[in-house]
């Protein structure tokens, strides 16, 4: 009934569930609710959480507590005022944003929110322009991605978000940490994810590994994933690794390293790079995984439809949009209550692109 993985506090999840039951007529005016002890068992939480969930409904006049008798429904909850939230995306990116927008849209629809969508086209200048224009126009809250912000532009990005903080406009950052003091961000632990996949290659007996961390406008993510890759390799004394980072044209160097360094496994920045690398290997006579093992990152549709299907790191992209949407709604409607972001620890999904060496 409650989801402890969600950013939304447990008491608020319970409050919203009871509110929904009243709105749908499942709890009618005059009905007696479960006792607090029964609610503890039903929701699987402690009594203070139940009392916190009931308190606002009581103060709103929806519920009334009668000493010695229990809690009764006495009125339907008032429909909360519709709020406007701006969401910045890169609509040219079909890799992540369809998942994210689906989650955002579903949560906004359930919570009486207007979604005002902006396309940054992956440009920091465009992102900053949208942020400034939205600030001038006014908004109840804004969700903005940080995954494409490079090192040189980070200071400018931070400066415009600071203006939002000073204006007391709730801001949620997706796909990266929030630069604001006490800011709310939803990100993946990229170091841990990359270390997990590299460790799997090492556990499969591979000792000559190549890290392929080449992806446009992702300097921070490339460095984080390289760090995890190197952490894993450093723990195995007889392992040796090479890496490429930040290069747009890496194909000739990959083929050279396979020939000259005896590479047996390649860890890629993401599934898209892994599929490109798979094509490169096949076109040059290499078999995956018989000759070269390959791992991706993000568990996108690409990883499941490639042949062979890719071993990859599971990215919480399906939940990231919905969690960010729930967080911004909470921040807008309950500005005095604390809200925390989430750094997700990913898992590994094993498919057919890695061979265990004898």
Protein backbone atom coordinates (compact mmCIF):
# COMPACT_ATOMS: atom_id res chain seq x y z
CA UNK A 1 0.00 0.00 0.00
CA UNK A 2 2.94 2.31 0.67
CA UNK A 3 6.11 2.35 -1.41
CA UNK A 4 9.23 2.95 0.67
CA UNK A 5 11.30 3.50 -2.49
CA UNK A 6 9.40 6.68 -3.37
CA UNK A 7 10.64 10.11 -2.36
CA UNK A 8 7.16 11.01 -1.07
CA UNK A 9 6.99 10.59 2.74
CA UNK A 10 5.05 7.59 4.02
CA UNK A 11 2.56 9.68 5.98
CA UNK A 12 1.75 11.69 2.84
CA UNK A 13 1.25 8.52 0.80
CA UNK A 14 -1.24 7.32 3.42
CA UNK A 15 -2.96 10.70 3.59
CA UNK A 16 -3.34 10.75 -0.20
CA UNK A 17 -4.67 7.19 -0.20
CA UNK A 18 -7.36 8.04 2.37
CA UNK A 19 -8.17 11.26 0.49
CA UNK A 20 -8.58 9.25 -2.73
CA UNK A 21 -10.81 6.68 -0.99
CA UNK A 22 -13.12 9.50 0.15
CA UNK A 23 -13.15 11.18 -3.27
CA UNK A 24 -14.03 7.87 -4.96
CA UNK A 25 -16.83 7.16 -2.48
CA UNK A 26 -15.16 4.09 -1.02
CA UNK A 27 -15.22 5.92 2.32
CA UNK A 28 -18.55 7.72 2.66
CA UNK A 29 -19.55 10.63 4.84
CA UNK A 30 -20.49 9.20 8.24
CA UNK A 31 -18.28 6.12 7.86
CA UNK A 32 -15.94 5.18 10.68
CA UNK A 33 -12.35 4.64 9.59
CA UNK A 34 -10.13 1.82 10.79
CA UNK A 35 -8.60 2.33 14.22
CA UNK A 36 -5.01 3.56 14.38
CA UNK A 37 -3.89 0.05 15.38
CA UNK A 38 -5.69 -1.45 12.37
CA UNK A 39 -4.13 1.18 10.10
CA UNK A 40 -0.68 0.32 11.46
CA UNK A 41 -1.16 -3.27 10.36
CA UNK A 42 -2.83 -2.34 7.07
CA UNK A 43 -0.15 0.15 5.94
CA UNK A 44 2.80 -1.48 7.73
CA UNK A 45 3.97 1.70 9.49
CA UNK A 46 4.35 3.03 13.03
CA UNK A 47 1.57 4.88 14.90
CA UNK A 48 3.21 8.36 14.64
CA UNK A 49 3.13 7.97 10.84
CA UNK A 50 -0.61 7.16 10.96
CA UNK A 51 -1.29 10.15 13.20
CA UNK A 52 0.67 12.45 10.89
CA UNK A 53 -1.34 11.15 7.92
CA UNK A 54 -4.67 11.83 9.67
CA UNK A 55 -3.78 15.22 11.18
CA UNK A 56 -4.09 17.31 8.00
CA UNK A 57 -7.35 15.64 6.98
CA UNK A 58 -8.68 16.43 10.43
CA UNK A 59 -7.53 20.05 10.23
CA UNK A 60 -9.14 20.36 6.78
CA UNK A 61 -12.45 19.19 8.21
CA UNK A 62 -12.61 15.95 6.20
CA UNK A 63 -12.22 13.76 9.29
CA UNK A 64 -13.28 14.18 12.92
CA UNK A 65 -11.90 12.28 15.88
CA UNK A 66 -14.38 11.44 18.61
CA UNK A 67 -12.84 10.47 21.93
CA UNK A 68 -13.46 6.84 22.74
CA UNK A 69 -15.33 6.23 19.49
CA UNK A 70 -12.77 6.62 16.69
CA UNK A 71 -12.22 8.67 13.53
CA UNK A 72 -15.13 9.49 11.22
CA UNK A 73 -15.43 10.91 7.71
CA UNK A 74 -17.47 14.12 7.91
CA UNK A 75 -16.84 15.85 4.55
CA UNK A 76 -15.34 15.34 1.11
CA UNK A 77 -11.86 16.90 0.68
CA UNK A 78 -11.71 20.15 -1.22
CA UNK A 79 -10.14 19.81 -4.65
CA UNK A 80 -6.67 21.32 -4.50
CA UNK A 81 -5.96 24.23 -6.81
CA UNK A 82 -4.36 23.21 -10.10
CA UNK A 83 -0.67 24.06 -10.21
CA UNK A 84 1.62 24.82 -13.14
CA UNK A 85 5.00 23.11 -13.33
CA UNK A 86 7.54 23.72 -16.09
CA UNK A 87 9.61 20.76 -17.29
CA UNK A 88 12.74 21.18 -19.41
CA UNK A 89 13.63 18.22 -21.64
CA UNK A 90 15.69 17.40 -24.69
CA UNK A 91 13.04 16.11 -27.06
CA UNK A 92 15.61 15.21 -29.72
CA UNK A 93 16.93 12.58 -27.28
CA UNK A 94 14.90 9.42 -27.76
CA UNK A 95 17.28 7.50 -25.50
CA UNK A 96 15.94 8.63 -22.09
CA UNK A 97 13.21 11.21 -22.34
CA UNK A 98 10.29 9.02 -23.47
CA UNK A 99 10.67 7.09 -20.20
CA UNK A 100 11.01 10.25 -18.12
CA UNK A 101 8.10 12.13 -19.69
CA UNK A 102 5.80 9.14 -19.28
CA UNK A 103 6.46 9.11 -15.53
CA UNK A 104 6.08 12.88 -15.18
CA UNK A 105 2.83 12.99 -17.16
CA UNK A 106 1.17 10.18 -15.22
CA UNK A 107 1.92 11.77 -11.84
CA UNK A 108 0.81 15.25 -12.97
CA UNK A 109 -2.47 13.89 -14.31
CA UNK A 110 -3.24 12.19 -10.98
CA UNK A 111 -2.39 15.30 -8.98
CA UNK A 112 -4.25 18.06 -10.83
CA UNK A 113 -1.12 19.65 -12.35
CA UNK A 114 -0.49 21.40 -15.65
CA UNK A 115 2.66 20.26 -17.48
CA UNK A 116 4.38 23.10 -19.35
CA UNK A 117 6.97 21.42 -21.56
CA UNK A 118 10.11 23.06 -22.95
CA UNK A 119 12.64 21.64 -25.41
CA UNK A 120 16.28 22.49 -24.73
CA UNK A 121 17.54 20.42 -27.72
CA UNK A 122 20.42 19.40 -25.46
CA UNK A 123 21.85 22.94 -25.46
CA UNK A 124 22.99 24.61 -22.24
CA UNK A 125 22.41 28.08 -23.75
CA UNK A 126 18.87 27.05 -24.60
CA UNK A 127 18.38 25.55 -21.11
CA UNK A 128 19.54 28.77 -19.43
CA UNK A 129 17.35 30.85 -21.74
CA UNK A 130 14.30 28.73 -20.82
CA UNK A 131 15.10 29.00 -17.12
CA UNK A 132 15.45 32.78 -17.26
CA UNK A 133 12.32 33.29 -19.34
CA UNK A 134 10.31 31.03 -17.06
CA UNK A 135 11.58 32.89 -14.00
CA UNK A 136 10.44 36.20 -15.51
CA UNK A 137 7.02 34.81 -16.41
CA UNK A 138 6.56 33.00 -13.10
CA UNK A 139 5.90 29.36 -12.30
CA UNK A 140 4.87 27.20 -9.36
CA UNK A 141 7.90 24.96 -9.84
CA UNK A 142 10.36 23.67 -12.41
CA UNK A 143 12.05 20.35 -13.24
CA UNK A 144 15.31 20.63 -15.15
CA UNK A 145 17.84 18.00 -16.31
CA UNK A 146 21.52 18.32 -15.47
CA UNK A 147 22.83 15.28 -17.34
CA UNK A 148 23.95 17.28 -20.40
CA UNK A 149 25.61 20.14 -18.49
CA UNK A 150 29.34 20.21 -19.18
CA UNK A 151 32.15 21.46 -16.96
CA UNK A 152 32.49 24.84 -18.65
CA UNK A 153 28.78 25.59 -18.36
CA UNK A 154 28.18 24.32 -14.82
CA UNK A 155 28.87 27.68 -13.17
CA UNK A 156 26.31 29.44 -15.36
CA UNK A 157 23.75 26.72 -14.69
CA UNK A 158 24.30 27.06 -10.94
CA UNK A 159 23.91 30.85 -11.10
CA UNK A 160 20.48 30.75 -12.72
CA UNK A 161 19.24 28.05 -10.34
CA UNK A 162 20.38 30.24 -7.44
CA UNK A 163 17.96 32.89 -8.73
CA UNK A 164 15.16 30.34 -8.40
CA UNK A 165 16.22 29.58 -4.83
CA UNK A 166 16.20 33.28 -3.94
CA UNK A 167 12.75 33.64 -5.52
CA UNK A 168 11.59 30.62 -3.43
CA UNK A 169 10.48 28.69 -6.51
CA UNK A 170 10.72 24.92 -5.98
CA UNK A 171 13.30 23.32 -8.27
CA UNK A 172 14.05 19.65 -8.90
CA UNK A 173 17.10 18.50 -10.87
CA UNK A 174 16.97 15.25 -12.83
CA UNK A 175 19.83 13.03 -13.99
CA UNK A 176 22.36 14.78 -11.79
CA UNK A 177 22.91 16.36 -8.39
CA UNK A 178 21.31 19.67 -7.49
CA UNK A 179 23.87 22.47 -7.10
CA UNK A 180 21.59 24.38 -4.71
CA UNK A 181 22.18 24.27 -0.93
CA UNK A 182 19.75 21.64 0.29
CA UNK A 183 18.53 21.22 -3.29
CA UNK A 184 16.59 18.21 -4.53
CA UNK A 185 18.09 16.05 -7.26
CA UNK A 186 17.42 12.58 -8.66
CA UNK A 187 20.48 10.80 -9.98
CA UNK A 188 22.10 7.41 -10.30
CA UNK A 189 25.31 6.39 -8.52
CA UNK A 190 27.33 6.18 -11.71
CA UNK A 191 30.59 5.25 -10.00
CA UNK A 192 28.96 2.27 -8.30
CA UNK A 193 27.19 1.19 -11.50
CA UNK A 194 30.36 1.22 -13.58
CA UNK A 195 32.30 -0.56 -10.84
CA UNK A 196 29.60 -3.23 -10.67
CA UNK A 197 29.76 -3.99 -14.40
CA UNK A 198 33.58 -3.98 -14.49
CA UNK A 199 33.63 -6.34 -11.50
CA UNK A 200 31.36 -8.71 -13.39
CA UNK A 201 33.78 -8.77 -16.33
CA UNK A 202 36.63 -9.48 -13.93
CA UNK A 203 34.64 -12.22 -12.20
CA UNK A 204 34.16 -13.79 -15.63
CA UNK A 205 37.93 -14.07 -15.96
CA UNK A 206 38.67 -11.06 -18.17
CA UNK A 207 41.97 -9.39 -17.34
CA UNK A 208 42.54 -7.05 -20.29
CA UNK A 209 39.69 -4.56 -20.33
CA UNK A 210 38.92 -1.47 -22.40
CA UNK A 211 36.68 1.28 -21.02
CA UNK A 212 34.91 3.17 -23.79
CA UNK A 213 33.58 6.39 -22.24
CA UNK A 214 32.92 8.54 -25.28
CA UNK A 215 29.62 10.40 -25.41
CA UNK A 216 28.84 14.01 -26.41
CA UNK A 217 27.94 16.57 -23.72
CA UNK A 218 28.45 14.07 -20.89
CA UNK A 219 31.83 14.98 -19.44
CA UNK A 220 30.76 14.54 -15.81
CA UNK A 221 29.05 11.19 -16.40
CA UNK A 222 31.98 9.90 -18.46
CA UNK A 223 34.41 10.75 -15.64
CA UNK A 224 32.19 9.16 -13.00
CA UNK A 225 31.81 5.93 -14.93
CA UNK A 226 35.52 5.84 -15.72
CA UNK A 227 36.22 6.19 -12.01
CA UNK A 228 34.07 3.17 -11.19
CA UNK A 229 35.68 1.15 -13.97
CA UNK A 230 39.17 1.93 -12.69
CA UNK A 231 38.16 1.23 -9.07
CA UNK A 232 37.15 -2.33 -9.98
CA UNK A 233 40.27 -3.02 -12.04
CA UNK A 234 42.54 -1.69 -9.27
CA UNK A 235 41.27 -4.41 -6.91
CA UNK A 236 42.51 -7.26 -9.15
CA UNK A 237 46.33 -7.35 -9.20
CA UNK A 238 46.75 -9.18 -12.51
CA UNK A 239 44.16 -7.09 -14.39
CA UNK A 240 45.14 -4.39 -16.84
CA UNK A 241 42.90 -1.75 -18.40
CA UNK A 242 42.91 0.96 -21.03
CA UNK A 243 40.30 3.63 -21.62
CA UNK A 244 39.13 6.15 -24.16
CA UNK A 245 37.20 9.20 -22.94
CA UNK A 246 35.67 12.22 -24.62
CA UNK A 247 36.62 11.25 -28.19
CA UNK A 248 34.03 11.52 -30.94
CA UNK A 249 35.93 9.20 -33.28
CA UNK A 250 37.12 6.15 -31.39
CA UNK A 251 36.62 3.27 -33.84
CA UNK A 252 40.19 3.00 -35.24
CA UNK A 253 41.66 3.15 -31.72
CA UNK A 254 39.34 0.41 -30.46
CA UNK A 255 40.37 -1.91 -33.30
CA UNK A 256 44.05 -1.12 -32.75
CA UNK A 257 43.85 -1.90 -29.02
CA UNK A 258 42.10 -5.20 -29.64
CA UNK A 259 44.87 -6.23 -32.06
CA UNK A 260 47.86 -4.92 -30.12
CA UNK A 261 46.83 -5.17 -26.46
CA UNK A 262 44.81 -8.38 -26.51
CA UNK A 263 41.59 -6.80 -25.20
CA UNK A 264 38.97 -9.44 -24.33
CA UNK A 265 36.20 -7.24 -22.92
CA UNK A 266 34.89 -3.72 -23.52
CA UNK A 267 32.85 -1.72 -21.01
CA UNK A 268 30.86 1.01 -22.78
CA UNK A 269 29.53 4.33 -21.51
CA UNK A 270 25.94 3.36 -22.29
CA UNK A 271 23.82 1.01 -24.38
CA UNK A 272 23.94 3.28 -27.41
CA UNK A 273 27.74 3.25 -27.46
CA UNK A 274 27.68 -0.52 -26.84
CA UNK A 275 25.42 -1.13 -29.85
CA UNK A 276 27.68 1.07 -32.01
CA UNK A 277 30.70 -0.86 -30.75
CA UNK A 278 28.93 -4.17 -31.43
CA UNK A 279 28.35 -3.12 -35.04
CA UNK A 280 32.00 -2.06 -35.36
CA UNK A 281 33.23 -5.42 -34.05
CA UNK A 282 30.95 -7.51 -36.26
CA UNK A 283 31.84 -5.49 -39.36
CA UNK A 284 35.52 -6.21 -38.66
CA UNK A 285 35.17 -9.93 -38.16
CA UNK A 286 34.91 -10.14 -34.36
CA UNK A 287 32.25 -12.24 -32.65
CA UNK A 288 30.44 -11.07 -29.48
CA UNK A 289 30.84 -12.63 -26.99
CA UNK A 290 33.05 -15.41 -28.40
CA UNK A 291 35.95 -13.07 -29.25
CA UNK A 292 35.08 -9.87 -27.36
CA UNK A 293 32.70 -9.49 -24.44
CA UNK A 294 30.66 -6.29 -24.24
CA UNK A 295 28.66 -4.51 -21.53
CA UNK A 296 26.43 -1.45 -21.72
CA UNK A 297 24.80 0.87 -19.21
CA UNK A 298 21.14 2.00 -18.74
CA UNK A 299 19.13 -1.11 -19.75
CA UNK A 300 17.30 0.66 -22.57
CA UNK A 301 15.29 -1.02 -25.31
CA UNK A 302 18.51 -1.11 -27.35
CA UNK A 303 20.08 -3.55 -24.90
CA UNK A 304 17.16 -5.96 -25.16
CA UNK A 305 16.78 -5.90 -28.96
CA UNK A 306 20.44 -6.12 -29.97
CA UNK A 307 21.86 -9.47 -31.06
CA UNK A 308 23.25 -10.68 -28.77
CA UNK A 309 21.21 -8.96 -26.04
CA UNK A 310 23.46 -6.78 -23.91
CA UNK A 311 24.53 -7.32 -20.35
CA UNK A 312 24.02 -3.87 -18.86
CA UNK A 313 23.45 -1.74 -15.77
CA UNK A 314 19.83 -1.07 -14.81
CA UNK A 315 19.04 2.66 -14.78
CA UNK A 316 15.90 3.77 -12.85
CA UNK A 317 14.72 5.83 -15.82
CA UNK A 318 11.20 4.41 -15.51
CA UNK A 319 10.93 5.84 -11.99
CA UNK A 320 13.06 8.96 -12.28
CA UNK A 321 10.38 11.07 -13.96
CA UNK A 322 7.61 10.00 -11.59
CA UNK A 323 9.78 10.53 -8.50
CA UNK A 324 10.83 14.00 -9.68
CA UNK A 325 7.19 14.89 -10.40
CA UNK A 326 6.03 13.74 -6.97
CA UNK A 327 8.84 15.69 -5.33
CA UNK A 328 8.05 18.98 -7.09
CA UNK A 329 4.33 18.65 -6.29
CA UNK A 330 5.16 18.08 -2.62
CA UNK A 331 7.49 21.09 -2.58
CA UNK A 332 4.85 23.35 -4.17
CA UNK A 333 1.95 22.26 -1.97
CA UNK A 334 3.82 21.85 1.31
CA UNK A 335 6.65 24.43 1.19
CA UNK A 336 7.46 24.17 4.87
CA UNK A 337 8.12 20.45 4.81
CA UNK A 338 11.56 19.01 3.97
CA UNK A 339 12.03 17.08 0.74
CA UNK A 340 14.98 14.92 -0.22
CA UNK A 341 16.25 13.69 -3.54
CA UNK A 342 17.49 10.20 -4.29
CA UNK A 343 20.78 8.79 -5.52
CA UNK A 344 19.84 5.37 -6.92
CA UNK A 345 22.18 2.40 -6.56
CA UNK A 346 21.76 0.42 -9.78
CA UNK A 347 21.84 -3.31 -10.41
CA UNK A 348 23.26 -5.51 -13.15
CA UNK A 349 21.16 -7.43 -15.68
CA UNK A 350 23.05 -10.35 -17.23
CA UNK A 351 22.24 -11.30 -20.82
CA UNK A 352 24.27 -12.83 -23.67
CA UNK A 353 27.05 -10.37 -24.51
CA UNK A 354 29.65 -11.56 -21.96
CA UNK A 355 31.55 -14.86 -22.11
CA UNK A 356 33.14 -16.48 -19.10
CA UNK A 357 36.76 -17.31 -19.84
CA UNK A 358 38.02 -20.77 -18.96
